[in-house]
Amino acid sequence: MTSTHVTGGGRRRTRHTRARILEAARQELGRDPDSSLTDIAEAAGVVRRTVYDHFAGRPALIEGLAADAAEALRRALAGVAAPDPDAVTAMARFVLALWPVGDRYRMLLRLAPQGLGAERANEILSPARDMATAIIERGQQQGVFRTGVPPAPLSRALERLLLALLECVNTGTLNDDGTRTATAALIAVGADGRLAVARVQGLGRMEPVGA
């Protein structure tokens, strides 16, 4: 009994330490993408050796952040898994639900070229791309979104817009809680501007899933 209890406690401490390191990495890399493992260890309140006990190096640490982001994205998508039949409302809910995830892990945008690679980034974003494409297709069928571009390419264009707005938050040129981005997303896919503003204001800012 005692051995099992100690083992369980040790596992909890290990998980807690790992989470503390990842949180420190998220904050430090958001502040400075070139932050060293020593910087991250100090911010986490551990020695550098402890970081290596959990992550083999910087790439493994970035992958840990990516895995956390992917899980947070899955939880957010689960919250809008049964989208509103009205495509305008569905797209607004989609963007508002994803914004807190993108805001929390936006430092990965700066790290992706050197740390994640295109294949891993595509893997993480694929579920969101599929849902956005489905919503756009429904909106085109309903006559509320533009039809000059097929759903899949329009979804990718929307993704680039959302990532660009997140990067603007990174650089301090945009301050947003998600509502401005949701409105911009609706207008980008062809929704009437006044309808977009009204629908987003009506929904308000959704709480992060799992918060």
N, C-alpha and C. Protein backbone atom coordinates (compact mmCIF):
# COMPACT_ATOMS: atom_id res chain seq x y z
N MET A 1 0.83 -1.20 0.00
CA MET A 1 0.00 0.00 0.00
C MET A 1 0.87 1.26 0.00
N THR A 2 1.88 1.27 0.89
CA THR A 2 2.74 2.44 0.98
C THR A 2 3.49 2.67 -0.31
N SER A 3 4.03 1.58 -0.91
CA SER A 3 4.78 1.70 -2.16
C SER A 3 3.92 2.26 -3.27
N THR A 4 2.68 1.76 -3.36
CA THR A 4 1.77 2.24 -4.40
C THR A 4 1.47 3.71 -4.21
N HIS A 5 1.25 4.10 -2.95
CA HIS A 5 0.94 5.50 -2.66
C HIS A 5 2.10 6.40 -3.07
N VAL A 6 3.31 6.01 -2.74
CA VAL A 6 4.48 6.80 -3.08
C VAL A 6 4.64 6.90 -4.59
N THR A 7 4.44 5.76 -5.27
CA THR A 7 4.56 5.76 -6.73
C THR A 7 3.54 6.70 -7.35
N GLY A 8 2.29 6.65 -6.85
CA GLY A 8 1.26 7.55 -7.37
C GLY A 8 1.61 9.00 -7.12
N GLY A 9 2.12 9.28 -5.92
CA GLY A 9 2.52 10.64 -5.60
C GLY A 9 3.67 11.11 -6.49
N GLY A 10 4.61 10.20 -6.75
CA GLY A 10 5.73 10.54 -7.61
C GLY A 10 5.29 10.85 -9.03
N ARG A 11 4.33 10.08 -9.51
CA ARG A 11 3.81 10.34 -10.85
C ARG A 11 3.11 11.68 -10.92
N ARG A 12 2.36 12.01 -9.87
CA ARG A 12 1.68 13.31 -9.86
C ARG A 12 2.69 14.44 -9.85
N ARG A 13 3.77 14.28 -9.07
CA ARG A 13 4.80 15.32 -9.04
C ARG A 13 5.48 15.44 -10.39
N THR A 14 5.71 14.30 -11.05
CA THR A 14 6.33 14.33 -12.37
C THR A 14 5.46 15.07 -13.38
N ARG A 15 4.15 14.77 -13.37
CA ARG A 15 3.22 15.45 -14.27
C ARG A 15 3.17 16.95 -13.96
N HIS A 16 3.18 17.27 -12.67
CA HIS A 16 3.12 18.68 -12.27
C HIS A 16 4.37 19.42 -12.74
N THR A 17 5.53 18.80 -12.57
CA THR A 17 6.78 19.44 -12.99
C THR A 17 6.81 19.62 -14.50
N ARG A 18 6.37 18.60 -15.23
CA ARG A 18 6.33 18.70 -16.69
C ARG A 18 5.42 19.84 -17.13
N ALA A 19 4.24 19.93 -16.50
CA ALA A 19 3.31 21.00 -16.85
C ALA A 19 3.89 22.37 -16.52
N ARG A 20 4.62 22.46 -15.39
CA ARG A 20 5.23 23.73 -15.01
C ARG A 20 6.30 24.15 -16.01
N ILE A 21 7.06 23.19 -16.49
CA ILE A 21 8.09 23.49 -17.49
C ILE A 21 7.45 23.96 -18.80
N LEU A 22 6.39 23.27 -19.22
CA LEU A 22 5.71 23.66 -20.46
C LEU A 22 5.09 25.05 -20.34
N GLU A 23 4.52 25.35 -19.19
CA GLU A 23 3.94 26.68 -19.01
C GLU A 23 5.02 27.75 -19.03
N ALA A 24 6.16 27.47 -18.39
CA ALA A 24 7.27 28.42 -18.42
C ALA A 24 7.78 28.58 -19.84
N ALA A 25 7.85 27.48 -20.59
CA ALA A 25 8.30 27.55 -21.99
C ALA A 25 7.34 28.39 -22.82
N ARG A 26 6.05 28.19 -22.61
CA ARG A 26 5.05 28.96 -23.36
C ARG A 26 5.24 30.45 -23.11
N GLN A 27 5.44 30.82 -21.86
CA GLN A 27 5.58 32.24 -21.53
C GLN A 27 6.91 32.80 -22.00
N GLU A 28 7.99 32.07 -21.77
CA GLU A 28 9.31 32.57 -22.14
C GLU A 28 9.48 32.64 -23.65
N LEU A 29 9.02 31.62 -24.37
CA LEU A 29 9.15 31.63 -25.83
C LEU A 29 8.21 32.66 -26.45
N GLY A 30 7.10 32.94 -25.78
CA GLY A 30 6.24 34.01 -26.25
C GLY A 30 6.90 35.37 -26.07
N ARG A 31 7.65 35.50 -25.00
CA ARG A 31 8.38 36.75 -24.75
C ARG A 31 9.57 36.88 -25.67
N ASP A 32 10.31 35.77 -25.85
CA ASP A 32 11.50 35.78 -26.69
C ASP A 32 11.66 34.40 -27.32
N PRO A 33 11.42 34.26 -28.63
CA PRO A 33 11.52 32.96 -29.29
C PRO A 33 12.89 32.30 -29.16
N ASP A 34 13.91 33.10 -28.84
CA ASP A 34 15.26 32.56 -28.70
C ASP A 34 15.61 32.21 -27.27
N SER A 35 14.63 32.21 -26.39
CA SER A 35 14.89 31.85 -24.98
C SER A 35 15.55 30.48 -24.91
N SER A 36 16.55 30.37 -24.06
CA SER A 36 17.29 29.12 -23.92
C SER A 36 16.61 28.19 -22.93
N LEU A 37 17.05 26.94 -22.92
CA LEU A 37 16.52 26.00 -21.93
C LEU A 37 16.86 26.44 -20.51
N THR A 38 17.99 27.13 -20.37
CA THR A 38 18.35 27.67 -19.05
C THR A 38 17.35 28.73 -18.62
N ASP A 39 16.97 29.61 -19.55
CA ASP A 39 15.97 30.63 -19.25
C ASP A 39 14.65 29.99 -18.82
N ILE A 40 14.26 28.94 -19.56
CA ILE A 40 12.99 28.27 -19.29
C ILE A 40 13.05 27.54 -17.94
N ALA A 41 14.19 26.90 -17.67
CA ALA A 41 14.35 26.21 -16.39
C ALA A 41 14.22 27.19 -15.23
N GLU A 42 14.88 28.34 -15.35
CA GLU A 42 14.81 29.35 -14.29
C GLU A 42 13.38 29.84 -14.09
N ALA A 43 12.67 30.05 -15.20
CA ALA A 43 11.29 30.52 -15.11
C ALA A 43 10.39 29.47 -14.47
N ALA A 44 10.72 28.20 -14.69
CA ALA A 44 9.93 27.11 -14.12
C ALA A 44 10.32 26.81 -12.68
N GLY A 45 11.42 27.38 -12.23
CA GLY A 45 11.87 27.12 -10.87
C GLY A 45 12.54 25.78 -10.70
N VAL A 46 13.18 25.29 -11.78
CA VAL A 46 13.89 24.01 -11.73
C VAL A 46 15.29 24.21 -12.31
N VAL A 47 16.13 23.21 -12.16
CA VAL A 47 17.45 23.28 -12.76
C VAL A 47 17.37 22.76 -14.20
N ARG A 48 18.36 23.10 -15.00
CA ARG A 48 18.37 22.70 -16.41
C ARG A 48 18.28 21.19 -16.56
N ARG A 49 18.92 20.46 -15.66
CA ARG A 49 18.92 19.01 -15.72
C ARG A 49 17.49 18.46 -15.64
N THR A 50 16.65 19.12 -14.85
CA THR A 50 15.27 18.68 -14.71
C THR A 50 14.51 18.83 -16.02
N VAL A 51 14.80 19.90 -16.75
CA VAL A 51 14.17 20.07 -18.07
C VAL A 51 14.53 18.89 -18.96
N TYR A 52 15.81 18.50 -18.93
CA TYR A 52 16.26 17.38 -19.77
C TYR A 52 15.69 16.04 -19.29
N ASP A 53 15.32 15.98 -18.01
CA ASP A 53 14.67 14.76 -17.53
C ASP A 53 13.31 14.54 -18.20
N HIS A 54 12.69 15.63 -18.60
CA HIS A 54 11.35 15.56 -19.20
C HIS A 54 11.38 15.72 -20.72
N PHE A 55 12.35 16.46 -21.23
CA PHE A 55 12.41 16.74 -22.67
C PHE A 55 13.87 16.60 -23.12
N ALA A 56 14.07 15.84 -24.19
CA ALA A 56 15.43 15.54 -24.64
C ALA A 56 16.18 16.76 -25.12
N GLY A 57 15.47 17.81 -25.47
CA GLY A 57 16.09 19.03 -25.95
C GLY A 57 15.02 20.02 -26.39
N ARG A 58 15.46 21.09 -27.02
CA ARG A 58 14.53 22.13 -27.46
C ARG A 58 13.45 21.59 -28.40
N PRO A 59 13.80 20.77 -29.42
CA PRO A 59 12.75 20.25 -30.31
C PRO A 59 11.69 19.45 -29.55
N ALA A 60 12.11 18.67 -28.58
CA ALA A 60 11.15 17.88 -27.80
C ALA A 60 10.26 18.79 -26.95
N LEU A 61 10.83 19.87 -26.45
CA LEU A 61 10.05 20.82 -25.66
C LEU A 61 9.00 21.51 -26.54
N ILE A 62 9.41 21.92 -27.73
CA ILE A 62 8.46 22.54 -28.66
C ILE A 62 7.38 21.56 -29.06
N GLU A 63 7.76 20.30 -29.26
CA GLU A 63 6.76 19.28 -29.58
C GLU A 63 5.78 19.10 -28.42
N GLY A 64 6.29 19.22 -27.19
CA GLY A 64 5.40 19.15 -26.04
C GLY A 64 4.36 20.26 -26.06
N LEU A 65 4.79 21.46 -26.42
CA LEU A 65 3.86 22.57 -26.55
C LEU A 65 2.87 22.31 -27.68
N ALA A 66 3.37 21.77 -28.79
CA ALA A 66 2.50 21.47 -29.93
C ALA A 66 1.46 20.43 -29.56
N ALA A 67 1.86 19.42 -28.81
CA ALA A 67 0.92 18.38 -28.39
C ALA A 67 -0.16 18.98 -27.48
N ASP A 68 0.24 19.87 -26.58
CA ASP A 68 -0.74 20.54 -25.73
C ASP A 68 -1.71 21.39 -26.56
N ALA A 69 -1.16 22.09 -27.55
CA ALA A 69 -1.99 22.92 -28.42
C ALA A 69 -2.97 22.06 -29.21
N ALA A 70 -2.50 20.91 -29.71
CA ALA A 70 -3.37 20.02 -30.47
C ALA A 70 -4.51 19.50 -29.61
N GLU A 71 -4.22 19.17 -28.36
CA GLU A 71 -5.27 18.69 -27.45
C GLU A 71 -6.27 19.80 -27.14
N ALA A 72 -5.76 21.01 -26.90
CA ALA A 72 -6.65 22.13 -26.64
C ALA A 72 -7.53 22.43 -27.85
N LEU A 73 -6.97 22.28 -29.04
CA LEU A 73 -7.74 22.49 -30.26
C LEU A 73 -8.84 21.43 -30.39
N ARG A 74 -8.51 20.19 -30.08
CA ARG A 74 -9.51 19.12 -30.14
C ARG A 74 -10.66 19.40 -29.17
N ARG A 75 -10.33 19.87 -27.97
CA ARG A 75 -11.38 20.17 -26.99
C ARG A 75 -12.26 21.32 -27.48
N ALA A 76 -11.64 22.34 -28.06
CA ALA A 76 -12.40 23.47 -28.56
C ALA A 76 -13.33 23.06 -29.69
N LEU A 77 -12.83 22.22 -30.59
CA LEU A 77 -13.66 21.76 -31.70
C LEU A 77 -14.80 20.89 -31.20
N ALA A 78 -14.56 20.13 -30.15
CA ALA A 78 -15.63 19.30 -29.59
C ALA A 78 -16.79 20.16 -29.10
N GLY A 79 -16.46 21.37 -28.67
CA GLY A 79 -17.50 22.28 -28.19
C GLY A 79 -18.39 22.81 -29.29
N VAL A 80 -17.92 22.73 -30.54
CA VAL A 80 -18.73 23.18 -31.67
C VAL A 80 -18.91 22.04 -32.67
N ALA A 81 -18.84 20.81 -32.17
CA ALA A 81 -18.91 19.64 -33.04
C ALA A 81 -20.26 19.52 -33.73
N ALA A 82 -21.33 20.06 -33.10
CA ALA A 82 -22.65 20.06 -33.73
C ALA A 82 -22.98 21.52 -34.05
N PRO A 83 -22.41 22.04 -35.14
CA PRO A 83 -22.54 23.46 -35.43
C PRO A 83 -23.98 23.88 -35.73
N ASP A 84 -24.26 25.13 -35.49
CA ASP A 84 -25.57 25.70 -35.76
C ASP A 84 -25.91 25.51 -37.24
N PRO A 85 -27.15 25.17 -37.56
CA PRO A 85 -27.53 25.00 -38.97
C PRO A 85 -27.27 26.26 -39.80
N ASP A 86 -27.39 27.42 -39.16
CA ASP A 86 -27.10 28.67 -39.85
C ASP A 86 -25.59 28.84 -39.97
N ALA A 87 -25.09 28.91 -41.19
CA ALA A 87 -23.63 28.91 -41.41
C ALA A 87 -22.95 30.15 -40.84
N VAL A 88 -23.63 31.29 -40.86
CA VAL A 88 -23.02 32.50 -40.30
C VAL A 88 -22.79 32.33 -38.81
N THR A 89 -23.79 31.84 -38.10
CA THR A 89 -23.63 31.60 -36.67
C THR A 89 -22.59 30.52 -36.41
N ALA A 90 -22.61 29.47 -37.23
CA ALA A 90 -21.65 28.38 -37.05
C ALA A 90 -20.22 28.87 -37.22
N MET A 91 -19.97 29.71 -38.22
CA MET A 91 -18.61 30.22 -38.43
C MET A 91 -18.19 31.14 -37.29
N ALA A 92 -19.12 31.98 -36.82
CA ALA A 92 -18.78 32.85 -35.70
C ALA A 92 -18.44 32.04 -34.46
N ARG A 93 -19.24 31.01 -34.17
CA ARG A 93 -18.97 30.15 -33.01
C ARG A 93 -17.63 29.43 -33.18
N PHE A 94 -17.35 28.98 -34.38
CA PHE A 94 -16.11 28.27 -34.67
C PHE A 94 -14.90 29.15 -34.36
N VAL A 95 -14.90 30.37 -34.88
CA VAL A 95 -13.75 31.26 -34.67
C VAL A 95 -13.64 31.67 -33.21
N LEU A 96 -14.77 31.99 -32.58
CA LEU A 96 -14.73 32.40 -31.17
C LEU A 96 -14.26 31.27 -30.26
N ALA A 97 -14.60 30.03 -30.61
CA ALA A 97 -14.16 28.89 -29.81
C ALA A 97 -12.67 28.63 -29.97
N LEU A 98 -12.15 28.84 -31.18
CA LEU A 98 -10.75 28.56 -31.43
C LEU A 98 -9.82 29.69 -31.00
N TRP A 99 -10.35 30.90 -30.93
CA TRP A 99 -9.49 32.04 -30.64
C TRP A 99 -8.69 31.89 -29.33
N PRO A 100 -9.30 31.47 -28.22
CA PRO A 100 -8.51 31.34 -27.00
C PRO A 100 -7.35 30.36 -27.15
N VAL A 101 -7.55 29.29 -27.93
CA VAL A 101 -6.47 28.33 -28.17
C VAL A 101 -5.36 28.98 -28.97
N GLY A 102 -5.75 29.65 -30.05
CA GLY A 102 -4.75 30.33 -30.87
C GLY A 102 -4.02 31.41 -30.10
N ASP A 103 -4.74 32.13 -29.25
CA ASP A 103 -4.13 33.19 -28.46
C ASP A 103 -3.13 32.62 -27.46
N ARG A 104 -3.50 31.50 -26.83
CA ARG A 104 -2.62 30.90 -25.82
C ARG A 104 -1.35 30.33 -26.43
N TYR A 105 -1.47 29.74 -27.61
CA TYR A 105 -0.32 29.06 -28.22
C TYR A 105 0.21 29.79 -29.44
N ARG A 106 -0.02 31.11 -29.50
CA ARG A 106 0.39 31.83 -30.70
C ARG A 106 1.91 31.89 -30.87
N MET A 107 2.65 31.66 -29.80
CA MET A 107 4.11 31.67 -29.94
C MET A 107 4.59 30.58 -30.89
N LEU A 108 3.76 29.53 -31.09
CA LEU A 108 4.15 28.46 -32.00
C LEU A 108 4.25 28.95 -33.43
N LEU A 109 3.55 30.05 -33.76
CA LEU A 109 3.65 30.60 -35.11
C LEU A 109 5.09 31.00 -35.42
N ARG A 110 5.76 31.55 -34.43
CA ARG A 110 7.15 31.97 -34.63
C ARG A 110 8.11 30.78 -34.60
N LEU A 111 7.71 29.73 -33.90
CA LEU A 111 8.60 28.59 -33.75
C LEU A 111 8.39 27.54 -34.82
N ALA A 112 7.24 27.57 -35.50
CA ALA A 112 6.90 26.50 -36.45
C ALA A 112 7.95 26.26 -37.52
N PRO A 113 8.49 27.29 -38.19
CA PRO A 113 9.45 27.02 -39.26
C PRO A 113 10.67 26.23 -38.80
N GLN A 114 11.15 26.51 -37.58
CA GLN A 114 12.36 25.85 -37.12
C GLN A 114 12.09 24.69 -36.18
N GLY A 115 10.90 24.66 -35.58
CA GLY A 115 10.66 23.67 -34.55
C GLY A 115 9.69 22.58 -34.89
N LEU A 116 8.62 22.90 -35.62
CA LEU A 116 7.58 21.91 -35.88
C LEU A 116 7.67 21.29 -37.26
N GLY A 117 7.83 22.12 -38.26
CA GLY A 117 7.81 21.62 -39.62
C GLY A 117 6.40 21.62 -40.18
N ALA A 118 6.29 21.70 -41.48
CA ALA A 118 4.99 21.83 -42.14
C ALA A 118 4.10 20.62 -41.89
N GLU A 119 4.69 19.42 -41.89
CA GLU A 119 3.89 18.20 -41.73
C GLU A 119 3.20 18.17 -40.37
N ARG A 120 3.92 18.49 -39.32
CA ARG A 120 3.34 18.48 -37.97
C ARG A 120 2.30 19.59 -37.83
N ALA A 121 2.59 20.76 -38.38
CA ALA A 121 1.63 21.85 -38.32
C ALA A 121 0.34 21.47 -39.03
N ASN A 122 0.48 20.82 -40.18
CA ASN A 122 -0.71 20.38 -40.92
C ASN A 122 -1.51 19.36 -40.13
N GLU A 123 -0.82 18.47 -39.44
CA GLU A 123 -1.49 17.46 -38.63
C GLU A 123 -2.32 18.10 -37.52
N ILE A 124 -1.75 19.12 -36.88
CA ILE A 124 -2.45 19.80 -35.79
C ILE A 124 -3.67 20.55 -36.31
N LEU A 125 -3.52 21.22 -37.45
CA LEU A 125 -4.58 22.08 -37.96
C LEU A 125 -5.64 21.35 -38.77
N SER A 126 -5.38 20.12 -39.15
CA SER A 126 -6.28 19.40 -40.04
C SER A 126 -7.73 19.33 -39.55
N PRO A 127 -8.00 19.00 -38.27
CA PRO A 127 -9.40 18.94 -37.82
C PRO A 127 -10.12 20.28 -37.96
N ALA A 128 -9.41 21.38 -37.66
CA ALA A 128 -10.03 22.70 -37.79
C ALA A 128 -10.29 23.02 -39.25
N ARG A 129 -9.37 22.63 -40.12
CA ARG A 129 -9.56 22.86 -41.56
C ARG A 129 -10.79 22.13 -42.07
N ASP A 130 -10.96 20.91 -41.62
CA ASP A 130 -12.11 20.11 -42.07
C ASP A 130 -13.42 20.76 -41.63
N MET A 131 -13.46 21.22 -40.37
CA MET A 131 -14.69 21.84 -39.89
C MET A 131 -14.97 23.15 -40.60
N ALA A 132 -13.93 23.97 -40.80
CA ALA A 132 -14.13 25.24 -41.50
C ALA A 132 -14.62 25.01 -42.92
N THR A 133 -14.06 24.01 -43.60
CA THR A 133 -14.48 23.70 -44.97
C THR A 133 -15.95 23.30 -44.99
N ALA A 134 -16.38 22.48 -44.03
CA ALA A 134 -17.77 22.04 -43.98
C ALA A 134 -18.71 23.22 -43.73
N ILE A 135 -18.31 24.14 -42.85
CA ILE A 135 -19.16 25.31 -42.57
C ILE A 135 -19.25 26.20 -43.80
N ILE A 136 -18.11 26.41 -44.47
CA ILE A 136 -18.12 27.25 -45.68
C ILE A 136 -18.99 26.63 -46.77
N GLU A 137 -18.88 25.31 -46.93
CA GLU A 137 -19.71 24.64 -47.94
C GLU A 137 -21.19 24.85 -47.65
N ARG A 138 -21.57 24.72 -46.36
CA ARG A 138 -22.97 24.92 -46.01
C ARG A 138 -23.38 26.36 -46.25
N GLY A 139 -22.49 27.31 -45.93
CA GLY A 139 -22.80 28.71 -46.16
C GLY A 139 -22.96 29.06 -47.63
N GLN A 140 -22.17 28.42 -48.47
CA GLN A 140 -22.33 28.64 -49.91
C GLN A 140 -23.66 28.08 -50.40
N GLN A 141 -24.04 26.94 -49.87
CA GLN A 141 -25.32 26.35 -50.25
C GLN A 141 -26.48 27.21 -49.78
N GLN A 142 -26.31 27.88 -48.63
CA GLN A 142 -27.36 28.74 -48.09
C GLN A 142 -27.38 30.12 -48.74
N GLY A 143 -26.34 30.41 -49.54
CA GLY A 143 -26.27 31.69 -50.23
C GLY A 143 -25.79 32.84 -49.38
N VAL A 144 -25.13 32.52 -48.23
CA VAL A 144 -24.66 33.59 -47.34
C VAL A 144 -23.14 33.80 -47.42
N PHE A 145 -22.41 32.88 -48.06
CA PHE A 145 -20.98 33.03 -48.27
C PHE A 145 -20.69 33.10 -49.76
N ARG A 146 -19.55 33.69 -50.10
CA ARG A 146 -19.18 33.82 -51.50
C ARG A 146 -18.98 32.44 -52.13
N THR A 147 -19.31 32.34 -53.41
CA THR A 147 -19.24 31.06 -54.11
C THR A 147 -18.18 31.05 -55.21
N GLY A 148 -17.45 32.13 -55.39
CA GLY A 148 -16.45 32.18 -56.46
C GLY A 148 -15.25 31.30 -56.22
N VAL A 149 -15.03 30.91 -54.95
CA VAL A 149 -13.90 30.04 -54.58
C VAL A 149 -14.46 28.80 -53.90
N PRO A 150 -14.02 27.59 -54.28
CA PRO A 150 -14.52 26.36 -53.64
C PRO A 150 -14.24 26.36 -52.13
N PRO A 151 -15.00 25.58 -51.37
CA PRO A 151 -14.88 25.59 -49.91
C PRO A 151 -13.47 25.31 -49.38
N ALA A 152 -12.80 24.29 -49.91
CA ALA A 152 -11.47 23.93 -49.36
C ALA A 152 -10.45 25.04 -49.54
N PRO A 153 -10.28 25.60 -50.77
CA PRO A 153 -9.33 26.71 -50.91
C PRO A 153 -9.74 27.94 -50.10
N LEU A 154 -11.04 28.22 -50.02
CA LEU A 154 -11.48 29.37 -49.23
C LEU A 154 -11.20 29.15 -47.75
N SER A 155 -11.31 27.90 -47.31
CA SER A 155 -10.97 27.57 -45.92
C SER A 155 -9.50 27.82 -45.64
N ARG A 156 -8.64 27.46 -46.58
CA ARG A 156 -7.20 27.69 -46.39
C ARG A 156 -6.87 29.19 -46.39
N ALA A 157 -7.58 29.95 -47.24
CA ALA A 157 -7.37 31.39 -47.24
C ALA A 157 -7.81 31.99 -45.91
N LEU A 158 -8.92 31.50 -45.37
CA LEU A 158 -9.40 31.96 -44.07
C LEU A 158 -8.39 31.62 -42.98
N GLU A 159 -7.81 30.43 -43.05
CA GLU A 159 -6.80 30.02 -42.07
C GLU A 159 -5.62 30.99 -42.07
N ARG A 160 -5.16 31.37 -43.26
CA ARG A 160 -4.03 32.30 -43.35
C ARG A 160 -4.39 33.65 -42.73
N LEU A 161 -5.63 34.08 -42.94
CA LEU A 161 -6.07 35.34 -42.34
C LEU A 161 -6.05 35.25 -40.83
N LEU A 162 -6.59 34.17 -40.28
CA LEU A 162 -6.64 34.02 -38.83
C LEU A 162 -5.23 33.95 -38.23
N LEU A 163 -4.33 33.21 -38.89
CA LEU A 163 -2.96 33.12 -38.41
C LEU A 163 -2.26 34.48 -38.50
N ALA A 164 -2.56 35.23 -39.56
CA ALA A 164 -1.96 36.56 -39.69
C ALA A 164 -2.43 37.49 -38.58
N LEU A 165 -3.71 37.39 -38.22
CA LEU A 165 -4.22 38.23 -37.14
C LEU A 165 -3.62 37.82 -35.80
N LEU A 166 -3.39 36.53 -35.60
CA LEU A 166 -2.71 36.09 -34.39
C LEU A 166 -1.29 36.64 -34.34
N GLU A 167 -0.62 36.67 -35.48
CA GLU A 167 0.74 37.21 -35.52
C GLU A 167 0.71 38.71 -35.21
N CYS A 168 -0.35 39.40 -35.63
CA CYS A 168 -0.49 40.81 -35.28
C CYS A 168 -0.62 40.99 -33.77
N VAL A 169 -1.30 40.05 -33.11
CA VAL A 169 -1.36 40.08 -31.65
C VAL A 169 0.03 39.85 -31.08
N ASN A 170 0.79 38.94 -31.70
CA ASN A 170 2.16 38.68 -31.28
C ASN A 170 3.00 39.95 -31.29
N THR A 171 2.85 40.73 -32.35
CA THR A 171 3.68 41.92 -32.53
C THR A 171 3.11 43.14 -31.85
N GLY A 172 1.93 43.02 -31.27
CA GLY A 172 1.35 44.13 -30.55
C GLY A 172 0.60 45.12 -31.42
N THR A 173 0.36 44.77 -32.70
CA THR A 173 -0.36 45.69 -33.58
C THR A 173 -1.86 45.46 -33.55
N LEU A 174 -2.31 44.42 -32.86
CA LEU A 174 -3.74 44.15 -32.73
C LEU A 174 -4.04 43.69 -31.31
N ASN A 175 -5.08 44.26 -30.75
CA ASN A 175 -5.58 43.84 -29.45
C ASN A 175 -6.98 43.29 -29.67
N ASP A 176 -7.18 42.01 -29.39
CA ASP A 176 -8.45 41.38 -29.74
C ASP A 176 -8.79 40.29 -28.74
N ASP A 177 -10.06 40.15 -28.43
CA ASP A 177 -10.53 39.05 -27.60
C ASP A 177 -11.17 37.96 -28.45
N GLY A 178 -11.06 38.10 -29.76
CA GLY A 178 -11.61 37.14 -30.70
C GLY A 178 -12.79 37.68 -31.49
N THR A 179 -13.47 38.71 -30.96
CA THR A 179 -14.66 39.20 -31.63
C THR A 179 -14.33 39.92 -32.93
N ARG A 180 -13.25 40.68 -32.94
CA ARG A 180 -12.87 41.38 -34.18
C ARG A 180 -12.43 40.38 -35.23
N THR A 181 -11.73 39.35 -34.80
CA THR A 181 -11.28 38.33 -35.74
C THR A 181 -12.46 37.53 -36.29
N ALA A 182 -13.41 37.20 -35.43
CA ALA A 182 -14.60 36.46 -35.89
C ALA A 182 -15.37 37.28 -36.92
N THR A 183 -15.49 38.57 -36.67
CA THR A 183 -16.18 39.44 -37.63
C THR A 183 -15.43 39.49 -38.95
N ALA A 184 -14.10 39.64 -38.87
CA ALA A 184 -13.28 39.67 -40.09
C ALA A 184 -13.38 38.37 -40.86
N ALA A 185 -13.44 37.24 -40.14
CA ALA A 185 -13.55 35.93 -40.78
C ALA A 185 -14.85 35.82 -41.57
N LEU A 186 -15.94 36.27 -40.97
CA LEU A 186 -17.24 36.20 -41.64
C LEU A 186 -17.24 37.07 -42.90
N ILE A 187 -16.71 38.25 -42.79
CA ILE A 187 -16.67 39.14 -43.96
C ILE A 187 -15.77 38.55 -45.04
N ALA A 188 -14.67 37.92 -44.63
CA ALA A 188 -13.74 37.33 -45.59
C ALA A 188 -14.37 36.22 -46.41
N VAL A 189 -15.27 35.44 -45.80
CA VAL A 189 -15.90 34.35 -46.55
C VAL A 189 -17.17 34.81 -47.26
N GLY A 190 -17.49 36.11 -47.13
CA GLY A 190 -18.58 36.66 -47.93
C GLY A 190 -19.84 37.04 -47.21
N ALA A 191 -19.87 36.94 -45.89
CA ALA A 191 -21.07 37.31 -45.15
C ALA A 191 -21.26 38.83 -45.20
N ASP A 192 -22.49 39.26 -45.15
CA ASP A 192 -22.79 40.68 -45.10
C ASP A 192 -22.16 41.29 -43.85
N GLY A 193 -21.53 42.45 -44.02
CA GLY A 193 -20.79 43.06 -42.92
C GLY A 193 -21.64 43.38 -41.71
N ARG A 194 -22.82 43.96 -41.92
CA ARG A 194 -23.69 44.29 -40.78
C ARG A 194 -24.19 43.03 -40.08
N LEU A 195 -24.49 42.01 -40.87
CA LEU A 195 -24.92 40.74 -40.27
C LEU A 195 -23.78 40.13 -39.46
N ALA A 196 -22.56 40.20 -40.00
CA ALA A 196 -21.40 39.64 -39.29
C ALA A 196 -21.21 40.30 -37.94
N VAL A 197 -21.27 41.63 -37.92
CA VAL A 197 -21.09 42.37 -36.66
C VAL A 197 -22.19 42.00 -35.66
N ALA A 198 -23.42 41.98 -36.13
CA ALA A 198 -24.54 41.69 -35.24
C ALA A 198 -24.47 40.28 -34.69
N ARG A 199 -24.10 39.32 -35.54
CA ARG A 199 -24.08 37.93 -35.10
C ARG A 199 -22.98 37.70 -34.07
N VAL A 200 -21.81 38.28 -34.31
CA VAL A 200 -20.70 38.11 -33.36
C VAL A 200 -21.02 38.81 -32.04
N GLN A 201 -21.57 40.00 -32.11
CA GLN A 201 -21.93 40.71 -30.88
C GLN A 201 -22.99 39.94 -30.11
N GLY A 202 -23.90 39.29 -30.84
CA GLY A 202 -24.94 38.51 -30.18
C GLY A 202 -24.40 37.30 -29.45
N LEU A 203 -23.38 36.69 -30.04
CA LEU A 203 -22.80 35.50 -29.40
C LEU A 203 -21.90 35.88 -28.23
N GLY A 204 -21.19 36.98 -28.37
CA GLY A 204 -20.22 37.37 -27.34
C GLY A 204 -19.02 36.46 -27.41
N ARG A 205 -18.12 36.65 -26.48
CA ARG A 205 -16.90 35.84 -26.45
C ARG A 205 -17.16 34.55 -25.73
N MET A 206 -16.94 33.40 -26.40
CA MET A 206 -17.11 32.09 -25.76
C MET A 206 -15.98 31.82 -24.81
N GLU A 207 -16.28 31.14 -23.71
CA GLU A 207 -15.23 30.73 -22.77
C GLU A 207 -14.42 29.60 -23.38
N PRO A 208 -13.07 29.57 -23.13
CA PRO A 208 -12.26 28.47 -23.63
C PRO A 208 -12.80 27.13 -23.15
N VAL A 209 -12.91 26.16 -24.06
CA VAL A 209 -13.37 24.83 -23.70
C VAL A 209 -12.40 24.19 -22.72
N GLY A 210 -12.92 23.66 -21.64
CA GLY A 210 -12.07 22.98 -20.67
C GLY A 210 -11.45 23.90 -19.65
N ALA A 211 -11.80 25.23 -19.73
CA ALA A 211 -11.21 26.17 -18.77
C ALA A 211 -11.82 25.96 -17.40
